[in-house]
Protein backbone atom coordinates (compact mmCIF):
# COMPACT_ATOMS: atom_id res chain seq x y z
CA MET A 1 -42.07 -20.91 -55.01
CA ILE A 2 -43.00 -17.24 -54.98
CA ARG A 3 -43.32 -15.77 -58.48
CA SER A 4 -43.59 -12.09 -59.32
CA THR A 5 -43.41 -9.83 -62.34
CA THR A 6 -41.98 -7.09 -60.12
CA PRO A 7 -38.24 -6.78 -59.39
CA THR A 8 -38.82 -6.84 -55.63
CA LEU A 9 -41.19 -8.54 -53.22
CA GLN A 10 -42.97 -6.22 -50.84
CA GLY A 11 -42.17 -7.11 -47.24
CA LYS A 12 -39.53 -9.68 -48.26
CA GLU A 13 -35.76 -9.29 -48.23
CA ILE A 14 -33.89 -10.71 -51.21
CA THR A 15 -30.63 -12.10 -49.88
CA ASP A 16 -29.15 -13.61 -53.07
CA TYR A 17 -29.58 -13.12 -56.80
CA LEU A 18 -28.88 -16.50 -58.37
CA GLY A 19 -29.26 -15.79 -62.08
CA VAL A 20 -31.66 -15.67 -64.99
CA VAL A 21 -33.94 -18.68 -65.44
CA VAL A 22 -36.05 -19.61 -68.47
CA GLY A 23 -38.90 -21.97 -69.21
CA GLU A 24 -40.17 -22.68 -72.70
CA ALA A 25 -42.89 -24.77 -74.28
CA ILE A 26 -43.65 -25.30 -77.95
CA LEU A 27 -46.92 -27.00 -78.80
CA GLY A 28 -48.41 -27.85 -82.16
CA ALA A 29 -52.08 -27.22 -82.85
CA ASN A 30 -53.66 -30.08 -84.78
CA ILE A 31 -55.70 -29.62 -87.92
CA PHE A 32 -59.09 -30.00 -86.21
CA LYS A 33 -58.29 -27.22 -83.79
CA ASP A 34 -57.10 -25.10 -86.74
CA ILE A 35 -60.38 -25.68 -88.59
CA PHE A 36 -62.56 -24.93 -85.56
CA GLY A 37 -60.41 -21.92 -84.73
CA ALA A 38 -60.91 -20.57 -88.26
CA ILE A 39 -64.68 -21.06 -87.96
CA ARG A 40 -64.67 -19.18 -84.66
CA ASP A 41 -62.74 -16.35 -86.32
CA ILE A 42 -65.47 -16.06 -88.97
CA VAL A 43 -68.53 -16.30 -86.71
CA GLY A 44 -67.01 -14.76 -83.59
CA GLY A 45 -66.65 -16.13 -80.12
CA ARG A 46 -63.82 -17.65 -78.17
CA ALA A 47 -61.55 -20.38 -79.49
CA GLY A 48 -61.65 -22.68 -76.47
CA ALA A 49 -59.32 -25.28 -77.96
CA TYR A 50 -56.62 -22.67 -78.54
CA GLU A 51 -57.11 -21.20 -75.08
CA GLU A 52 -56.69 -24.66 -73.58
CA GLU A 53 -53.48 -25.31 -75.55
CA MET A 54 -52.06 -21.92 -74.60
CA GLY A 55 -52.84 -22.57 -70.94
CA ARG A 56 -51.14 -25.94 -71.14
CA ALA A 57 -48.06 -24.42 -72.77
CA ARG A 58 -47.94 -21.68 -70.12
CA ASP A 59 -48.14 -24.27 -67.33
CA ILE A 60 -45.28 -26.28 -68.85
CA ALA A 61 -43.13 -23.16 -69.27
CA PHE A 62 -43.72 -22.12 -65.64
CA MET A 63 -42.87 -25.64 -64.41
CA GLU A 64 -39.56 -25.51 -66.30
CA LEU A 65 -38.87 -22.02 -64.93
CA GLU A 66 -39.45 -23.18 -61.35
CA ASP A 67 -37.40 -26.37 -61.83
CA GLU A 68 -34.44 -24.32 -63.08
CA ALA A 69 -34.78 -21.87 -60.18
CA ARG A 70 -34.95 -24.69 -57.59
CA ALA A 71 -31.80 -26.24 -59.08
CA LEU A 72 -30.03 -22.97 -58.29
CA GLY A 73 -31.33 -23.00 -54.70
CA ALA A 74 -33.96 -20.28 -55.21
CA ASN A 75 -37.18 -19.93 -53.27
CA ALA A 76 -38.58 -17.12 -55.44
CA ILE A 77 -38.45 -15.72 -58.96
CA VAL A 78 -38.74 -12.00 -59.63
CA GLY A 79 -38.98 -9.88 -62.77
CA ILE A 80 -40.95 -12.52 -64.64
CA ASP A 81 -41.64 -11.83 -68.32
CA LEU A 82 -44.12 -13.97 -70.24
CA ASP A 83 -44.10 -14.05 -74.05
CA TYR A 84 -46.32 -15.83 -76.59
CA GLU A 85 -45.22 -16.43 -80.18
CA VAL A 86 -46.74 -18.21 -83.16
CA ILE A 87 -44.09 -20.09 -85.12
CA GLY A 88 -43.93 -22.39 -88.11
CA SER A 89 -44.48 -21.76 -91.79
CA LYS A 90 -48.26 -21.63 -91.36
CA GLY A 91 -48.35 -20.54 -87.75
CA SER A 92 -49.14 -24.08 -86.72
CA MET A 93 -47.11 -24.02 -83.51
CA MET A 94 -47.27 -21.91 -80.39
CA MET A 95 -44.33 -21.03 -78.19
CA VAL A 96 -44.58 -19.75 -74.65
CA SER A 97 -41.42 -18.39 -73.10
CA VAL A 98 -41.12 -17.34 -69.45
CA SER A 99 -38.02 -15.77 -67.97
CA GLY A 100 -37.10 -14.18 -64.66
CA THR A 101 -34.42 -13.86 -61.99
CA ALA A 102 -34.03 -16.67 -59.48
CA VAL A 103 -33.54 -15.27 -55.97
CA ARG A 104 -33.32 -16.44 -52.42
CA ILE A 105 -35.45 -14.52 -49.96
CA LYS A 106 -35.01 -14.38 -46.22
CA GLU A 107 -37.42 -16.77 -44.54
CA ILE A 108 -39.58 -15.36 -41.76
CA GLU A 109 -38.89 -17.21 -38.55
């Protein structure tokens, strides 16, 4: 599956626009990650546990996006937008949302 943030694919002909597709993932961060993340905020450095969770959420969202596009008969997704949000009363959950347009491109023979 070809994925692009641009509305077109250079050198490829889009033959059909199949519709908007979306993938979402909401993951909770456990208390230990919250504590270690807070410590990292105080002393500086990267919060590896959070980065790992965000990467996992992004992967899940992209898998859902591609599954939805395949169900429509797409072989590419263009105009992809990726958003991250912190949700929950104490910001204890992360949401990754990915959207784009499912398209069919002409296959090179």
